[in-house]
Amino acid sequence: YDPKTATKELVDDVFQTINDRNRVIRILAMAKSAIRHNMAKD
């Protein structure tokens, strides 16, 4: 809600993570898995 909560340390950490090819591929795979695995019926 408050952009100030996104500290430089936090932004640096995410920036580093998503610029690591191995990590970004897995983040995308995990995000797609989460979208596919809808829980509504269970």
PDB file of all heavy atoms in Angstrom:
ATOM      1  N   TYR A   1       0.857  -1.196   0.000  1.00  0.00           N
ATOM      2  CA  TYR A   1       0.000   0.000   0.000  1.00  0.00           C
ATOM      3  C   TYR A   1       0.892   1.244   0.000  1.00  0.00           C
ATOM      4  O   TYR A   1       0.689   2.170  -0.761  1.00  0.00           O
ATOM      5  CB  TYR A   1      -0.908  -0.020   1.239  1.00  0.00           C
ATOM      6  CG  TYR A   1      -1.646   1.267   1.462  1.00  0.00           C
ATOM      7  CD1 TYR A   1      -2.759   1.588   0.687  1.00  0.00           C
ATOM      8  CD2 TYR A   1      -1.240   2.160   2.452  1.00  0.00           C
ATOM      9  CE1 TYR A   1      -3.439   2.784   0.888  1.00  0.00           C
ATOM     10  CE2 TYR A   1      -1.915   3.349   2.665  1.00  0.00           C
ATOM     11  CZ  TYR A   1      -3.016   3.659   1.873  1.00  0.00           C
ATOM     12  OH  TYR A   1      -3.686   4.840   2.068  1.00  0.00           O
ATOM     13  N   ASP A   2       1.884   1.234   0.883  1.00  0.00           N
ATOM     14  CA  ASP A   2       2.821   2.359   0.983  1.00  0.00           C
ATOM     15  C   ASP A   2       4.111   1.978   0.266  1.00  0.00           C
ATOM     16  O   ASP A   2       4.832   1.086   0.720  1.00  0.00           O
ATOM     17  CB  ASP A   2       3.105   2.663   2.461  1.00  0.00           C
ATOM     18  CG  ASP A   2       4.054   3.844   2.643  1.00  0.00           C
ATOM     19  OD1 ASP A   2       4.566   4.367   1.626  1.00  0.00           O
ATOM     20  OD2 ASP A   2       4.294   4.245   3.802  1.00  0.00           O
ATOM     21  N   PRO A   3       4.421   2.655  -0.863  1.00  0.00           N
ATOM     22  CA  PRO A   3       5.624   2.293  -1.631  1.00  0.00           C
ATOM     23  C   PRO A   3       6.911   2.329  -0.803  1.00  0.00           C
ATOM     24  O   PRO A   3       7.875   1.637  -1.116  1.00  0.00           O
ATOM     25  CB  PRO A   3       5.687   3.356  -2.738  1.00  0.00           C
ATOM     26  CG  PRO A   3       4.359   4.009  -2.766  1.00  0.00           C
ATOM     27  CD  PRO A   3       3.706   3.789  -1.432  1.00  0.00           C
ATOM     28  N   LYS A   4       6.900   3.116   0.294  1.00  0.00           N
ATOM     29  CA  LYS A   4       8.118   3.217   1.129  1.00  0.00           C
ATOM     30  C   LYS A   4       8.468   1.875   1.777  1.00  0.00           C
ATOM     31  O   LYS A   4       9.602   1.654   2.209  1.00  0.00           O
ATOM     32  CB  LYS A   4       7.939   4.277   2.215  1.00  0.00           C
ATOM     33  CG  LYS A   4       7.901   5.695   1.704  1.00  0.00           C
ATOM     34  CD  LYS A   4       8.057   6.675   2.881  1.00  0.00           C
ATOM     35  CE  LYS A   4       7.606   8.079   2.518  1.00  0.00           C
ATOM     36  NZ  LYS A   4       6.127   8.198   2.464  1.00  0.00           N
ATOM     37  N   THR A   5       7.491   0.973   1.882  1.00  0.00           N
ATOM     38  CA  THR A   5       7.755  -0.359   2.458  1.00  0.00           C
ATOM     39  C   THR A   5       8.743  -1.122   1.580  1.00  0.00           C
ATOM     40  O   THR A   5       9.459  -2.004   2.056  1.00  0.00           O
ATOM     41  CB  THR A   5       6.437  -1.160   2.606  1.00  0.00           C
ATOM     42  OG1 THR A   5       5.457  -0.313   3.208  1.00  0.00           O
ATOM     43  CG2 THR A   5       6.616  -2.387   3.479  1.00  0.00           C
ATOM     44  N   ALA A   6       8.780  -0.771   0.289  1.00  0.00           N
ATOM     45  CA  ALA A   6       9.734  -1.409  -0.639  1.00  0.00           C
ATOM     46  C   ALA A   6      11.091  -0.732  -0.467  1.00  0.00           C
ATOM     47  O   ALA A   6      11.471   0.166  -1.217  1.00  0.00           O
ATOM     48  CB  ALA A   6       9.238  -1.271  -2.078  1.00  0.00           C
ATOM     49  N   THR A   7      11.826  -1.161   0.539  1.00  0.00           N
ATOM     50  CA  THR A   7      13.130  -0.566   0.833  1.00  0.00           C
ATOM     51  C   THR A   7      14.123  -0.872  -0.294  1.00  0.00           C
ATOM     52  O   THR A   7      13.910  -1.795  -1.091  1.00  0.00           O
ATOM     53  CB  THR A   7      13.704  -1.158   2.135  1.00  0.00           C
ATOM     54  OG1 THR A   7      13.827  -2.582   1.944  1.00  0.00           O
ATOM     55  CG2 THR A   7      12.808  -0.880   3.323  1.00  0.00           C
ATOM     56  N   LYS A   8      15.204  -0.104  -0.322  1.00  0.00           N
ATOM     57  CA  LYS A   8      16.240  -0.333  -1.346  1.00  0.00           C
ATOM     58  C   LYS A   8      16.788  -1.757  -1.222  1.00  0.00           C
ATOM     59  O   LYS A   8      17.002  -2.442  -2.227  1.00  0.00           O
ATOM     60  CB  LYS A   8      17.369   0.687  -1.199  1.00  0.00           C
ATOM     61  CG  LYS A   8      18.410   0.533  -2.307  1.00  0.00           C
ATOM     62  CD  LYS A   8      19.463   1.612  -2.287  1.00  0.00           C
ATOM     63  CE  LYS A   8      20.397   1.475  -3.478  1.00  0.00           C
ATOM     64  NZ  LYS A   8      20.963   0.143  -3.687  1.00  0.00           N
ATOM     65  N   GLU A   9      16.941  -2.211  -0.001  1.00  0.00           N
ATOM     66  CA  GLU A   9      17.453  -3.578   0.249  1.00  0.00           C
ATOM     67  C   GLU A   9      16.530  -4.631  -0.396  1.00  0.00           C
ATOM     68  O   GLU A   9      16.981  -5.576  -1.036  1.00  0.00           O
ATOM     69  CB  GLU A   9      17.543  -3.799   1.758  1.00  0.00           C
ATOM     70  CG  GLU A   9      18.177  -5.115   2.150  1.00  0.00           C
ATOM     71  CD  GLU A   9      18.121  -5.353   3.662  1.00  0.00           C
ATOM     72  OE1 GLU A   9      17.520  -4.532   4.397  1.00  0.00           O
ATOM     73  OE2 GLU A   9      18.667  -6.381   4.092  1.00  0.00           O
ATOM     74  N   LEU A  10      15.221  -4.419  -0.220  1.00  0.00           N
ATOM     75  CA  LEU A  10      14.235  -5.349  -0.775  1.00  0.00           C
ATOM     76  C   LEU A  10      14.262  -5.314  -2.307  1.00  0.00           C
ATOM     77  O   LEU A  10      14.267  -6.357  -2.967  1.00  0.00           O
ATOM     78  CB  LEU A  10      12.847  -4.963  -0.256  1.00  0.00           C
ATOM     79  CG  LEU A  10      11.713  -5.962  -0.418  1.00  0.00           C
ATOM     80  CD1 LEU A  10      12.032  -7.285   0.252  1.00  0.00           C
ATOM     81  CD2 LEU A  10      10.427  -5.379   0.169  1.00  0.00           C
ATOM     82  N   VAL A  11      14.288  -4.104  -2.876  1.00  0.00           N
ATOM     83  CA  VAL A  11      14.314  -3.960  -4.345  1.00  0.00           C
ATOM     84  C   VAL A  11      15.606  -4.561  -4.909  1.00  0.00           C
ATOM     85  O   VAL A  11      15.576  -5.287  -5.912  1.00  0.00           O
ATOM     86  CB  VAL A  11      14.162  -2.478  -4.764  1.00  0.00           C
ATOM     87  CG1 VAL A  11      14.284  -2.330  -6.282  1.00  0.00           C
ATOM     88  CG2 VAL A  11      12.824  -1.909  -4.286  1.00  0.00           C
ATOM     89  N   ASP A  12      16.726  -4.299  -4.246  1.00  0.00           N
ATOM     90  CA  ASP A  12      18.020  -4.863  -4.690  1.00  0.00           C
ATOM     91  C   ASP A  12      17.959  -6.386  -4.730  1.00  0.00           C
ATOM     92  O   ASP A  12      18.448  -7.022  -5.662  1.00  0.00           O
ATOM     93  CB  ASP A  12      19.147  -4.455  -3.726  1.00  0.00           C
ATOM     94  CG  ASP A  12      19.546  -2.993  -3.875  1.00  0.00           C
ATOM     95  OD1 ASP A  12      19.072  -2.344  -4.838  1.00  0.00           O
ATOM     96  OD2 ASP A  12      20.323  -2.500  -3.040  1.00  0.00           O
ATOM     97  N   ASP A  13      17.346  -6.950  -3.700  1.00  0.00           N
ATOM     98  CA  ASP A  13      17.257  -8.406  -3.579  1.00  0.00           C
ATOM     99  C   ASP A  13      16.427  -9.000  -4.723  1.00  0.00           C
ATOM    100  O   ASP A  13      16.822  -9.973  -5.366  1.00  0.00           O
ATOM    101  CB  ASP A  13      16.633  -8.744  -2.221  1.00  0.00           C
ATOM    102  CG  ASP A  13      16.780 -10.218  -1.877  1.00  0.00           C
ATOM    103  OD1 ASP A  13      17.851 -10.782  -2.180  1.00  0.00           O
ATOM    104  OD2 ASP A  13      15.836 -10.790  -1.321  1.00  0.00           O
ATOM    105  N   VAL A  14      15.275  -8.385  -5.010  1.00  0.00           N
ATOM    106  CA  VAL A  14      14.413  -8.870  -6.095  1.00  0.00           C
ATOM    107  C   VAL A  14      15.105  -8.667  -7.445  1.00  0.00           C
ATOM    108  O   VAL A  14      15.073  -9.547  -8.319  1.00  0.00           O
ATOM    109  CB  VAL A  14      13.032  -8.165  -6.066  1.00  0.00           C
ATOM    110  CG1 VAL A  14      12.201  -8.529  -7.292  1.00  0.00           C
ATOM    111  CG2 VAL A  14      12.273  -8.544  -4.794  1.00  0.00           C
ATOM    112  N   PHE A  15      15.753  -7.515  -7.602  1.00  0.00           N
ATOM    113  CA  PHE A  15      16.456  -7.221  -8.865  1.00  0.00           C
ATOM    114  C   PHE A  15      17.533  -8.276  -9.141  1.00  0.00           C
ATOM    115  O   PHE A  15      17.638  -8.808 -10.246  1.00  0.00           O
ATOM    116  CB  PHE A  15      17.091  -5.825  -8.790  1.00  0.00           C
ATOM    117  CG  PHE A  15      17.782  -5.403 -10.049  1.00  0.00           C
ATOM    118  CD1 PHE A  15      17.048  -5.020 -11.166  1.00  0.00           C
ATOM    119  CD2 PHE A  15      19.173  -5.392 -10.135  1.00  0.00           C
ATOM    120  CE1 PHE A  15      17.685  -4.633 -12.346  1.00  0.00           C
ATOM    121  CE2 PHE A  15      19.811  -5.010 -11.307  1.00  0.00           C
ATOM    122  CZ  PHE A  15      19.061  -4.628 -12.416  1.00  0.00           C
ATOM    123  N   GLN A  16      18.272  -8.597  -8.113  1.00  0.00           N
ATOM    124  CA  GLN A  16      19.330  -9.607  -8.244  1.00  0.00           C
ATOM    125  C   GLN A  16      18.734 -10.978  -8.586  1.00  0.00           C
ATOM    126  O   GLN A  16      19.222 -11.688  -9.464  1.00  0.00           O
ATOM    127  CB  GLN A  16      20.094  -9.682  -6.918  1.00  0.00           C
ATOM    128  CG  GLN A  16      21.348 -10.531  -6.981  1.00  0.00           C
ATOM    129  CD  GLN A  16      22.046 -10.587  -5.618  1.00  0.00           C
ATOM    130  OE1 GLN A  16      21.677  -9.893  -4.675  1.00  0.00           O
ATOM    131  NE2 GLN A  16      23.056 -11.417  -5.516  1.00  0.00           N
ATOM    132  N   THR A  17      17.633 -11.309  -7.904  1.00  0.00           N
ATOM    133  CA  THR A  17      16.980 -12.613  -8.119  1.00  0.00           C
ATOM    134  C   THR A  17      16.492 -12.763  -9.551  1.00  0.00           C
ATOM    135  O   THR A  17      16.742 -13.775 -10.201  1.00  0.00           O
ATOM    136  CB  THR A  17      15.787 -12.776  -7.139  1.00  0.00           C
ATOM    137  OG1 THR A  17      16.319 -12.809  -5.817  1.00  0.00           O
ATOM    138  CG2 THR A  17      15.015 -14.050  -7.401  1.00  0.00           C
ATOM    139  N   ILE A  18      15.797 -11.747 -10.061  1.00  0.00           N
ATOM    140  CA  ILE A  18      15.184 -11.924 -11.384  1.00  0.00           C
ATOM    141  C   ILE A  18      16.172 -11.670 -12.527  1.00  0.00           C
ATOM    142  O   ILE A  18      15.829 -11.847 -13.692  1.00  0.00           O
ATOM    143  CB  ILE A  18      13.892 -11.095 -11.561  1.00  0.00           C
ATOM    144  CG1 ILE A  18      14.179  -9.603 -11.554  1.00  0.00           C
ATOM    145  CG2 ILE A  18      12.845 -11.478 -10.526  1.00  0.00           C
ATOM    146  CD1 ILE A  18      12.976  -8.770 -11.926  1.00  0.00           C
ATOM    147  N   ASN A  19      17.388 -11.268 -12.181  1.00  0.00           N
ATOM    148  CA  ASN A  19      18.419 -11.180 -13.217  1.00  0.00           C
ATOM    149  C   ASN A  19      19.380 -12.366 -13.176  1.00  0.00           C
ATOM    150  O   ASN A  19      20.414 -12.374 -13.830  1.00  0.00           O
ATOM    151  CB  ASN A  19      19.156  -9.841 -13.126  1.00  0.00           C
ATOM    152  CG  ASN A  19      18.354  -8.744 -13.807  1.00  0.00           C
ATOM    153  OD1 ASN A  19      18.303  -8.671 -15.027  1.00  0.00           O
ATOM    154  ND2 ASN A  19      17.672  -7.935 -13.024  1.00  0.00           N
ATOM    155  N   ASP A  20      18.998 -13.374 -12.399  1.00  0.00           N
ATOM    156  CA  ASP A  20      19.720 -14.644 -12.374  1.00  0.00           C
ATOM    157  C   ASP A  20      18.894 -15.610 -13.223  1.00  0.00           C
ATOM    158  O   ASP A  20      17.765 -15.950 -12.877  1.00  0.00           O
ATOM    159  CB  ASP A  20      19.809 -15.113 -10.912  1.00  0.00           C
ATOM    160  CG  ASP A  20      20.439 -16.485 -10.760  1.00  0.00           C
ATOM    161  OD1 ASP A  20      20.183 -17.364 -11.608  1.00  0.00           O
ATOM    162  OD2 ASP A  20      21.162 -16.686  -9.771  1.00  0.00           O
ATOM    163  N   ARG A  21      19.448 -16.043 -14.365  1.00  0.00           N
ATOM    164  CA  ARG A  21      18.665 -16.818 -15.330  1.00  0.00           C
ATOM    165  C   ARG A  21      18.058 -18.084 -14.704  1.00  0.00           C
ATOM    166  O   ARG A  21      16.893 -18.396 -14.890  1.00  0.00           O
ATOM    167  CB  ARG A  21      19.550 -17.187 -16.526  1.00  0.00           C
ATOM    168  CG  ARG A  21      18.748 -17.783 -17.665  1.00  0.00           C
ATOM    169  CD  ARG A  21      19.557 -17.916 -18.954  1.00  0.00           C
ATOM    170  NE  ARG A  21      18.723 -18.581 -19.951  1.00  0.00           N
ATOM    171  CZ  ARG A  21      18.553 -19.882 -20.029  1.00  0.00           C
ATOM    172  NH1 ARG A  21      19.140 -20.692 -19.152  1.00  0.00           N
ATOM    173  NH2 ARG A  21      17.769 -20.416 -20.955  1.00  0.00           N
ATOM    174  N   ASN A  22      18.855 -18.798 -13.932  1.00  0.00           N
ATOM    175  CA  ASN A  22      18.401 -20.027 -13.282  1.00  0.00           C
ATOM    176  C   ASN A  22      17.200 -19.751 -12.374  1.00  0.00           C
ATOM    177  O   ASN A  22      16.217 -20.490 -12.361  1.00  0.00           O
ATOM    178  CB  ASN A  22      19.571 -20.614 -12.471  1.00  0.00           C
ATOM    179  CG  ASN A  22      19.136 -21.764 -11.589  1.00  0.00           C
ATOM    180  OD1 ASN A  22      18.555 -22.723 -12.063  1.00  0.00           O
ATOM    181  ND2 ASN A  22      19.400 -21.659 -10.296  1.00  0.00           N
ATOM    182  N   ARG A  23      17.287 -18.632 -11.655  1.00  0.00           N
ATOM    183  CA  ARG A  23      16.203 -18.310 -10.713  1.00  0.00           C
ATOM    184  C   ARG A  23      14.948 -17.837 -11.441  1.00  0.00           C
ATOM    185  O   ARG A  23      13.843 -18.218 -11.084  1.00  0.00           O
ATOM    186  CB  ARG A  23      16.672 -17.235  -9.720  1.00  0.00           C
ATOM    187  CG  ARG A  23      17.675 -17.783  -8.734  1.00  0.00           C
ATOM    188  CD  ARG A  23      18.013 -16.798  -7.647  1.00  0.00           C
ATOM    189  NE  ARG A  23      18.671 -17.492  -6.549  1.00  0.00           N
ATOM    190  CZ  ARG A  23      18.655 -17.093  -5.288  1.00  0.00           C
ATOM    191  NH1 ARG A  23      18.019 -15.997  -4.959  1.00  0.00           N
ATOM    192  NH2 ARG A  23      19.265 -17.783  -4.352  1.00  0.00           N
ATOM    193  N   VAL A  24      15.130 -16.994 -12.443  1.00  0.00           N
ATOM    194  CA  VAL A  24      13.951 -16.429 -13.107  1.00  0.00           C
ATOM    195  C   VAL A  24      13.157 -17.518 -13.828  1.00  0.00           C
ATOM    196  O   VAL A  24      11.922 -17.502 -13.852  1.00  0.00           O
ATOM    197  CB  VAL A  24      14.330 -15.252 -14.041  1.00  0.00           C
ATOM    198  CG1 VAL A  24      14.776 -15.698 -15.424  1.00  0.00           C
ATOM    199  CG2 VAL A  24      13.150 -14.306 -14.184  1.00  0.00           C
ATOM    200  N   ILE A  25      13.838 -18.500 -14.394  1.00  0.00           N
ATOM    201  CA  ILE A  25      13.146 -19.612 -15.067  1.00  0.00           C
ATOM    202  C   ILE A  25      12.272 -20.353 -14.050  1.00  0.00           C
ATOM    203  O   ILE A  25      11.126 -20.712 -14.324  1.00  0.00           O
ATOM    204  CB  ILE A  25      14.178 -20.583 -15.722  1.00  0.00           C
ATOM    205  CG1 ILE A  25      14.790 -19.935 -16.964  1.00  0.00           C
ATOM    206  CG2 ILE A  25      13.533 -21.913 -16.093  1.00  0.00           C
ATOM    207  CD1 ILE A  25      15.998 -20.685 -17.507  1.00  0.00           C
ATOM    208  N   ARG A  26      12.810 -20.555 -12.850  1.00  0.00           N
ATOM    209  CA  ARG A  26      12.053 -21.274 -11.820  1.00  0.00           C
ATOM    210  C   ARG A  26      10.918 -20.427 -11.245  1.00  0.00           C
ATOM    211  O   ARG A  26       9.849 -20.953 -10.919  1.00  0.00           O
ATOM    212  CB  ARG A  26      13.008 -21.765 -10.727  1.00  0.00           C
ATOM    213  CG  ARG A  26      13.689 -23.049 -11.168  1.00  0.00           C
ATOM    214  CD  ARG A  26      14.932 -23.416 -10.397  1.00  0.00           C
ATOM    215  NE  ARG A  26      15.440 -24.678 -10.899  1.00  0.00           N
ATOM    216  CZ  ARG A  26      16.144 -24.817 -12.035  1.00  0.00           C
ATOM    217  NH1 ARG A  26      16.408 -23.740 -12.782  1.00  0.00           N
ATOM    218  NH2 ARG A  26      16.566 -26.001 -12.427  1.00  0.00           N
ATOM    219  N   ILE A  27      11.148 -19.141 -11.127  1.00  0.00           N
ATOM    220  CA  ILE A  27      10.072 -18.252 -10.664  1.00  0.00           C
ATOM    221  C   ILE A  27       8.891 -18.317 -11.628  1.00  0.00           C
ATOM    222  O   ILE A  27       7.732 -18.448 -11.228  1.00  0.00           O
ATOM    223  CB  ILE A  27      10.582 -16.791 -10.538  1.00  0.00           C
ATOM    224  CG1 ILE A  27      11.481 -16.663  -9.302  1.00  0.00           C
ATOM    225  CG2 ILE A  27       9.420 -15.803 -10.442  1.00  0.00           C
ATOM    226  CD1 ILE A  27      12.236 -15.360  -9.219  1.00  0.00           C
ATOM    227  N   LEU A  28       9.195 -18.251 -12.925  1.00  0.00           N
ATOM    228  CA  LEU A  28       8.123 -18.297 -13.930  1.00  0.00           C
ATOM    229  C   LEU A  28       7.423 -19.657 -13.913  1.00  0.00           C
ATOM    230  O   LEU A  28       6.196 -19.740 -14.014  1.00  0.00           O
ATOM    231  CB  LEU A  28       8.675 -17.978 -15.325  1.00  0.00           C
ATOM    232  CG  LEU A  28       9.196 -16.546 -15.492  1.00  0.00           C
ATOM    233  CD1 LEU A  28       9.854 -16.363 -16.850  1.00  0.00           C
ATOM    234  CD2 LEU A  28       8.066 -15.538 -15.329  1.00  0.00           C
ATOM    235  N   ALA A  29       8.213 -20.731 -13.771  1.00  0.00           N
ATOM    236  CA  ALA A  29       7.624 -22.080 -13.712  1.00  0.00           C
ATOM    237  C   ALA A  29       6.717 -22.207 -12.485  1.00  0.00           C
ATOM    238  O   ALA A  29       5.619 -22.765 -12.562  1.00  0.00           O
ATOM    239  CB  ALA A  29       8.733 -23.131 -13.665  1.00  0.00           C
ATOM    240  N   MET A  30       7.173 -21.665 -11.362  1.00  0.00           N
ATOM    241  CA  MET A  30       6.388 -21.737 -10.122  1.00  0.00           C
ATOM    242  C   MET A  30       5.111 -20.897 -10.248  1.00  0.00           C
ATOM    243  O   MET A  30       4.025 -21.328  -9.843  1.00  0.00           O
ATOM    244  CB  MET A  30       7.242 -21.232  -8.945  1.00  0.00           C
ATOM    245  CG  MET A  30       6.678 -21.537  -7.589  1.00  0.00           C
ATOM    246  SD  MET A  30       6.525 -23.309  -7.232  1.00  0.00           S
ATOM    247  CE  MET A  30       8.228 -23.741  -6.854  1.00  0.00           C
ATOM    248  N   ALA A  31       5.234 -19.714 -10.837  1.00  0.00           N
ATOM    249  CA  ALA A  31       4.066 -18.841 -11.008  1.00  0.00           C
ATOM    250  C   ALA A  31       3.030 -19.515 -11.914  1.00  0.00           C
ATOM    251  O   ALA A  31       1.831 -19.481 -11.640  1.00  0.00           O
ATOM    252  CB  ALA A  31       4.502 -17.498 -11.584  1.00  0.00           C
ATOM    253  N   LYS A  32       3.511 -20.155 -12.975  1.00  0.00           N
ATOM    254  CA  LYS A  32       2.580 -20.839 -13.901  1.00  0.00           C
ATOM    255  C   LYS A  32       1.910 -22.024 -13.201  1.00  0.00           C
ATOM    256  O   LYS A  32       0.724 -22.285 -13.383  1.00  0.00           O
ATOM    257  CB  LYS A  32       3.316 -21.301 -15.160  1.00  0.00           C
ATOM    258  CG  LYS A  32       3.558 -20.136 -16.118  1.00  0.00           C
ATOM    259  CD  LYS A  32       4.407 -20.532 -17.307  1.00  0.00           C
ATOM    260  CE  LYS A  32       4.669 -19.308 -18.180  1.00  0.00           C
ATOM    261  NZ  LYS A  32       5.781 -19.504 -19.109  1.00  0.00           N
ATOM    262  N   SER A  33       2.681 -22.739 -12.396  1.00  0.00           N
ATOM    263  CA  SER A  33       2.136 -23.871 -11.640  1.00  0.00           C
ATOM    264  C   SER A  33       1.032 -23.385 -10.695  1.00  0.00           C
ATOM    265  O   SER A  33      -0.016 -24.010 -10.564  1.00  0.00           O
ATOM    266  CB  SER A  33       3.250 -24.552 -10.849  1.00  0.00           C
ATOM    267  OG  SER A  33       2.738 -25.269  -9.756  1.00  0.00           O
ATOM    268  N   ALA A  34       1.259 -22.249 -10.058  1.00  0.00           N
ATOM    269  CA  ALA A  34       0.272 -21.697  -9.116  1.00  0.00           C
ATOM    270  C   ALA A  34      -1.020 -21.322  -9.853  1.00  0.00           C
ATOM    271  O   ALA A  34      -2.123 -21.581  -9.363  1.00  0.00           O
ATOM    272  CB  ALA A  34       0.856 -20.480  -8.401  1.00  0.00           C
ATOM    273  N   ILE A  35      -0.881 -20.739 -11.042  1.00  0.00           N
ATOM    274  CA  ILE A  35      -2.067 -20.353 -11.823  1.00  0.00           C
ATOM    275  C   ILE A  35      -2.842 -21.598 -12.257  1.00  0.00           C
ATOM    276  O   ILE A  35      -4.067 -21.657 -12.175  1.00  0.00           O
ATOM    277  CB  ILE A  35      -1.651 -19.485 -13.037  1.00  0.00           C
ATOM    278  CG1 ILE A  35      -1.160 -18.113 -12.544  1.00  0.00           C
ATOM    279  CG2 ILE A  35      -2.807 -19.310 -14.025  1.00  0.00           C
ATOM    280  CD1 ILE A  35      -0.325 -17.344 -13.555  1.00  0.00           C
ATOM    281  N   ARG A  36      -2.100 -22.616 -12.695  1.00  0.00           N
ATOM    282  CA  ARG A  36      -2.743 -23.867 -13.151  1.00  0.00           C
ATOM    283  C   ARG A  36      -3.466 -24.580 -12.009  1.00  0.00           C
ATOM    284  O   ARG A  36      -4.485 -25.208 -12.193  1.00  0.00           O
ATOM    285  CB  ARG A  36      -1.691 -24.835 -13.717  1.00  0.00           C
ATOM    286  CG  ARG A  36      -1.297 -24.580 -15.150  1.00  0.00           C
ATOM    287  CD  ARG A  36      -0.604 -25.811 -15.742  1.00  0.00           C
ATOM    288  NE  ARG A  36       0.472 -26.329 -14.914  1.00  0.00           N
ATOM    289  CZ  ARG A  36       1.738 -25.946 -14.972  1.00  0.00           C
ATOM    290  NH1 ARG A  36       2.106 -25.015 -15.832  1.00  0.00           N
ATOM    291  NH2 ARG A  36       2.654 -26.484 -14.200  1.00  0.00           N
ATOM    292  N   HIS A  37      -2.882 -24.486 -10.817  1.00  0.00           N
ATOM    293  CA  HIS A  37      -3.385 -25.272  -9.693  1.00  0.00           C
ATOM    294  C   HIS A  37      -4.419 -24.462  -8.919  1.00  0.00           C
ATOM    295  O   HIS A  37      -4.195 -24.051  -7.782  1.00  0.00           O
ATOM    296  CB  HIS A  37      -2.218 -25.683  -8.792  1.00  0.00           C
ATOM    297  CG  HIS A  37      -2.541 -26.866  -7.941  1.00  0.00           C
ATOM    298  ND1 HIS A  37      -2.296 -28.159  -8.333  1.00  0.00           N
ATOM    299  CD2 HIS A  37      -3.139 -26.957  -6.732  1.00  0.00           C
ATOM    300  CE1 HIS A  37      -2.719 -28.984  -7.392  1.00  0.00           C
ATOM    301  NE2 HIS A  37      -3.230 -28.274  -6.403  1.00  0.00           N
ATOM    302  N   ASN A  38      -5.574 -24.230  -9.534  1.00  0.00           N
ATOM    303  CA  ASN A  38      -6.640 -23.466  -8.885  1.00  0.00           C
ATOM    304  C   ASN A  38      -7.336 -24.359  -7.847  1.00  0.00           C
ATOM    305  O   ASN A  38      -7.661 -25.511  -8.124  1.00  0.00           O
ATOM    306  CB  ASN A  38      -7.635 -22.979  -9.940  1.00  0.00           C
ATOM    307  CG  ASN A  38      -8.650 -22.028  -9.345  1.00  0.00           C
ATOM    308  OD1 ASN A  38      -9.532 -22.433  -8.600  1.00  0.00           O
ATOM    309  ND2 ASN A  38      -8.526 -20.760  -9.665  1.00  0.00           N
ATOM    310  N   MET A  39      -7.570 -23.809  -6.676  1.00  0.00           N
ATOM    311  CA  MET A  39      -8.043 -24.614  -5.541  1.00  0.00           C
ATOM    312  C   MET A  39      -9.564 -24.578  -5.340  1.00  0.00           C
ATOM    313  O   MET A  39     -10.073 -25.223  -4.423  1.00  0.00           O
ATOM    314  CB  MET A  39      -7.392 -24.098  -4.245  1.00  0.00           C
ATOM    315  CG  MET A  39      -5.892 -24.020  -4.251  1.00  0.00           C
ATOM    316  SD  MET A  39      -5.114 -25.639  -4.242  1.00  0.00           S
ATOM    317  CE  MET A  39      -5.566 -26.255  -2.638  1.00  0.00           C
ATOM    318  N   ALA A  40     -10.279 -23.809  -6.154  1.00  0.00           N
ATOM    319  CA  ALA A  40     -11.701 -23.537  -5.889  1.00  0.00           C
ATOM    320  C   ALA A  40     -12.517 -24.804  -5.610  1.00  0.00           C
ATOM    321  O   ALA A  40     -13.334 -24.835  -4.688  1.00  0.00           O
ATOM    322  CB  ALA A  40     -12.314 -22.754  -7.043  1.00  0.00           C
ATOM    323  N   LYS A  41     -12.292 -25.865  -6.403  1.00  0.00           N
ATOM    324  CA  LYS A  41     -13.126 -27.076  -6.276  1.00  0.00           C
ATOM    325  C   LYS A  41     -12.795 -27.896  -5.022  1.00  0.00           C
ATOM    326  O   LYS A  41     -13.569 -28.764  -4.626  1.00  0.00           O
ATOM    327  CB  LYS A  41     -12.935 -27.975  -7.513  1.00  0.00           C
ATOM    328  CG  LYS A  41     -13.507 -27.390  -8.796  1.00  0.00           C
ATOM    329  CD  LYS A  41     -13.530 -28.461  -9.891  1.00  0.00           C
ATOM    330  CE  LYS A  41     -13.986 -27.897 -11.221  1.00  0.00           C
ATOM    331  NZ  LYS A  41     -12.909 -27.156 -11.911  1.00  0.00           N
ATOM    332  N   ASP A  42     -11.645 -27.638  -4.427  1.00  0.00           N
ATOM    333  CA  ASP A  42     -11.202 -28.474  -3.288  1.00  0.00           C
ATOM    334  C   ASP A  42     -11.373 -27.816  -1.926  1.00  0.00           C
ATOM    335  O   ASP A  42     -11.234 -28.488  -0.894  1.00  0.00           O
ATOM    336  CB  ASP A  42      -9.714 -28.831  -3.464  1.00  0.00           C
ATOM    337  CG  ASP A  42      -9.490 -29.741  -4.657  1.00  0.00           C
ATOM    338  OD1 ASP A  42     -10.272 -30.689  -4.822  1.00  0.00           O
ATOM    339  OD2 ASP A  42      -8.544 -29.490  -5.426  1.00  0.00           O
TER     340      ASP A  42
END
